Every structure is written in C-alpha cells, then in structure tokens.
C-alpha cells in the first residue's frame, strides 16, 4: 500500500517520500515493515490493540521488534504522531465508511511528522 500511495503522490506532483508511515495494529507485518524502513521511512504500528493495553501481552509477542515499537509509541513524539492517525483518517475516510453502509476499508496513513506537541 505504501508503494501505491507513493505512486499516487508522484502523480499529484509530490516528489518526496513520506516522512513516516502510521497504521493500526491490523497492519503489523514484520517483513513489510522491514521493507518500508529499509527504504528510509520510519513505521509506527502498535503490536497490540488499544483494547489490550491493560492486559498482558500476547504469548510470543514479547521482546525484539514488539517491545521496541511499544517503547517508540510511548515517547512523546511517537504517541503524538500515532494520535494524528485517527484525526486524519477519520476525517478523510469517515464519510466513505458511512456511505458504504458500515464497511470498514483497510487504510494506512502517510503523515507529516510535524507535531506541535513534540
């Protein structure tokens, strides 16, 4: 999806690559995340659903990339950027969800890391 977004941006005359890719938990896929970061684009994808924050982590989802990403998302900048995901995607695609009778479309957000709080 990032490649498709970059093609769309290029078609619109935007030559620069995204500064960061932000997505929800359902997009956690380590190989794809590694490919994006290898291209020099940071990725912010929580390994846990917000519904699981107050419970123990899932078995096998500890250490390594999982704990690293949790730590990044707990920083001031990481949490600020991740919060922007909901604001941008909700405003941009909320009408599509409503007009499609509640069908949830998979979306990844490409956001500018300019975060006033950080």
Protein backbone atom coordinates (compact mmCIF):
# COMPACT_ATOMS: atom_id res chain seq x y z
CA UNK A 1 0.00 0.00 0.00
CA UNK A 2 2.87 2.37 0.62
CA UNK A 3 4.07 1.84 -2.95
CA UNK A 4 0.58 2.62 -4.24
CA UNK A 5 0.42 5.75 -2.08
CA UNK A 6 3.81 6.86 -3.37
CA UNK A 7 2.62 6.37 -6.98
CA UNK A 8 -0.47 8.47 -6.23
CA UNK A 9 1.66 11.17 -4.62
CA UNK A 10 4.01 11.19 -7.62
CA UNK A 11 1.00 11.51 -9.92
CA UNK A 12 -0.07 14.54 -7.90
CA UNK A 13 3.38 16.09 -8.28
CA UNK A 14 4.74 15.23 -4.82
CA UNK A 15 8.29 14.01 -5.35
CA UNK A 16 9.38 13.48 -1.74
CA UNK A 17 8.84 10.21 0.07
CA UNK A 18 6.61 10.06 3.16
CA UNK A 19 8.29 11.10 6.39
CA UNK A 20 6.57 8.36 8.40
CA UNK A 21 4.03 5.57 7.88
CA UNK A 22 1.40 5.15 10.60
CA UNK A 23 -1.06 2.26 10.71
CA UNK A 24 -3.24 0.42 13.19
CA UNK A 25 -2.48 -2.94 14.78
CA UNK A 26 -4.05 -4.96 11.97
CA UNK A 27 -1.19 -3.97 9.66
CA UNK A 28 1.56 -5.43 11.85
CA UNK A 29 3.59 -7.47 9.35
CA UNK A 30 7.26 -7.56 10.16
CA UNK A 31 8.53 -8.28 6.61
CA UNK A 32 6.57 -5.39 5.13
CA UNK A 33 7.59 -3.10 7.98
CA UNK A 34 11.25 -4.02 7.42
CA UNK A 35 10.94 -3.28 3.69
CA UNK A 36 9.47 0.16 4.41
CA UNK A 37 12.11 1.03 6.99
CA UNK A 38 14.86 -0.23 4.65
CA UNK A 39 13.67 2.48 2.26
CA UNK A 40 14.35 5.05 5.00
CA UNK A 41 10.75 5.59 6.11
CA UNK A 42 10.02 5.10 9.83
CA UNK A 43 6.99 2.96 10.68
CA UNK A 44 4.65 3.37 13.66
CA UNK A 45 2.39 0.35 14.09
CA UNK A 46 1.43 -0.82 17.57
CA UNK A 47 1.78 -4.57 18.08
CA UNK A 48 -1.18 -4.54 20.49
CA UNK A 49 -4.73 -3.33 20.09
CA UNK A 50 -5.74 -0.42 22.30
CA UNK A 51 -8.28 -2.80 23.82
CA UNK A 52 -5.40 -4.92 25.18
CA UNK A 53 -3.40 -2.12 26.81
CA UNK A 54 -4.38 -3.04 30.33
CA UNK A 55 -3.81 -6.75 29.87
CA UNK A 56 -0.67 -8.81 29.50
CA UNK A 57 0.93 -9.01 26.06
CA UNK A 58 0.02 -11.92 23.87
CA UNK A 59 2.20 -15.01 24.25
CA UNK A 60 5.07 -14.85 21.77
CA UNK A 61 4.64 -11.09 21.23
CA UNK A 62 7.38 -10.02 23.65
CA UNK A 63 10.90 -8.78 23.14
CA UNK A 64 12.58 -7.69 19.92
CA UNK A 65 10.53 -5.60 17.50
CA UNK A 66 7.40 -5.82 19.66
CA UNK A 67 8.97 -4.20 22.72
CA UNK A 68 10.93 -1.76 20.57
CA UNK A 69 7.75 -0.50 18.88
CA UNK A 70 5.90 -0.26 22.21
CA UNK A 71 8.78 1.88 23.51
CA UNK A 72 8.75 4.14 20.45
CA UNK A 73 4.99 4.64 20.73
CA UNK A 74 5.36 5.58 24.41
CA UNK A 75 7.67 8.50 23.56
CA UNK A 76 6.16 11.97 23.26
CA UNK A 77 6.78 12.18 19.50
CA UNK A 78 5.68 8.60 18.83
CA UNK A 79 2.40 8.95 20.67
CA UNK A 80 1.73 12.36 19.09
CA UNK A 81 2.25 11.01 15.58
CA UNK A 82 0.12 7.95 16.25
CA UNK A 83 -2.72 10.09 17.60
CA UNK A 84 -2.69 12.06 14.34
CA UNK A 85 -3.57 8.85 12.51
CA UNK A 86 -7.07 8.85 13.96
CA UNK A 87 -7.61 12.54 13.26
CA UNK A 88 -6.50 12.38 9.63
CA UNK A 89 -8.00 9.05 8.68
CA UNK A 90 -11.28 9.62 10.50
CA UNK A 91 -11.83 12.94 8.79
CA UNK A 92 -10.70 11.73 5.38
CA UNK A 93 -12.35 8.33 5.20
CA UNK A 94 -15.19 8.54 7.70
CA UNK A 95 -17.67 9.52 5.01
CA UNK A 96 -16.65 6.51 2.92
CA UNK A 97 -17.37 4.14 5.79
CA UNK A 98 -20.75 5.76 6.38
CA UNK A 99 -21.71 5.82 2.71
CA UNK A 100 -20.70 2.19 2.26
CA UNK A 101 -23.11 1.06 4.98
CA UNK A 102 -20.53 0.46 7.66
CA UNK A 103 -17.96 -1.41 5.58
CA UNK A 104 -14.54 -0.76 7.11
CA UNK A 105 -11.88 -0.20 4.49
CA UNK A 106 -8.24 -1.02 5.27
CA UNK A 107 -6.25 2.20 5.32
CA UNK A 108 -2.70 3.20 6.06
CA UNK A 109 -1.92 6.79 6.76
CA UNK A 110 1.03 8.71 5.42
CA UNK A 111 1.55 11.61 7.79
CA UNK A 112 3.86 14.54 8.09
CA UNK A 113 5.86 14.24 11.34
CA UNK A 114 5.30 17.92 12.17
CA UNK A 115 3.79 17.50 15.59
CA UNK A 116 3.19 20.60 17.63
CA UNK A 117 3.46 18.84 20.97
CA UNK A 118 6.89 17.34 20.29
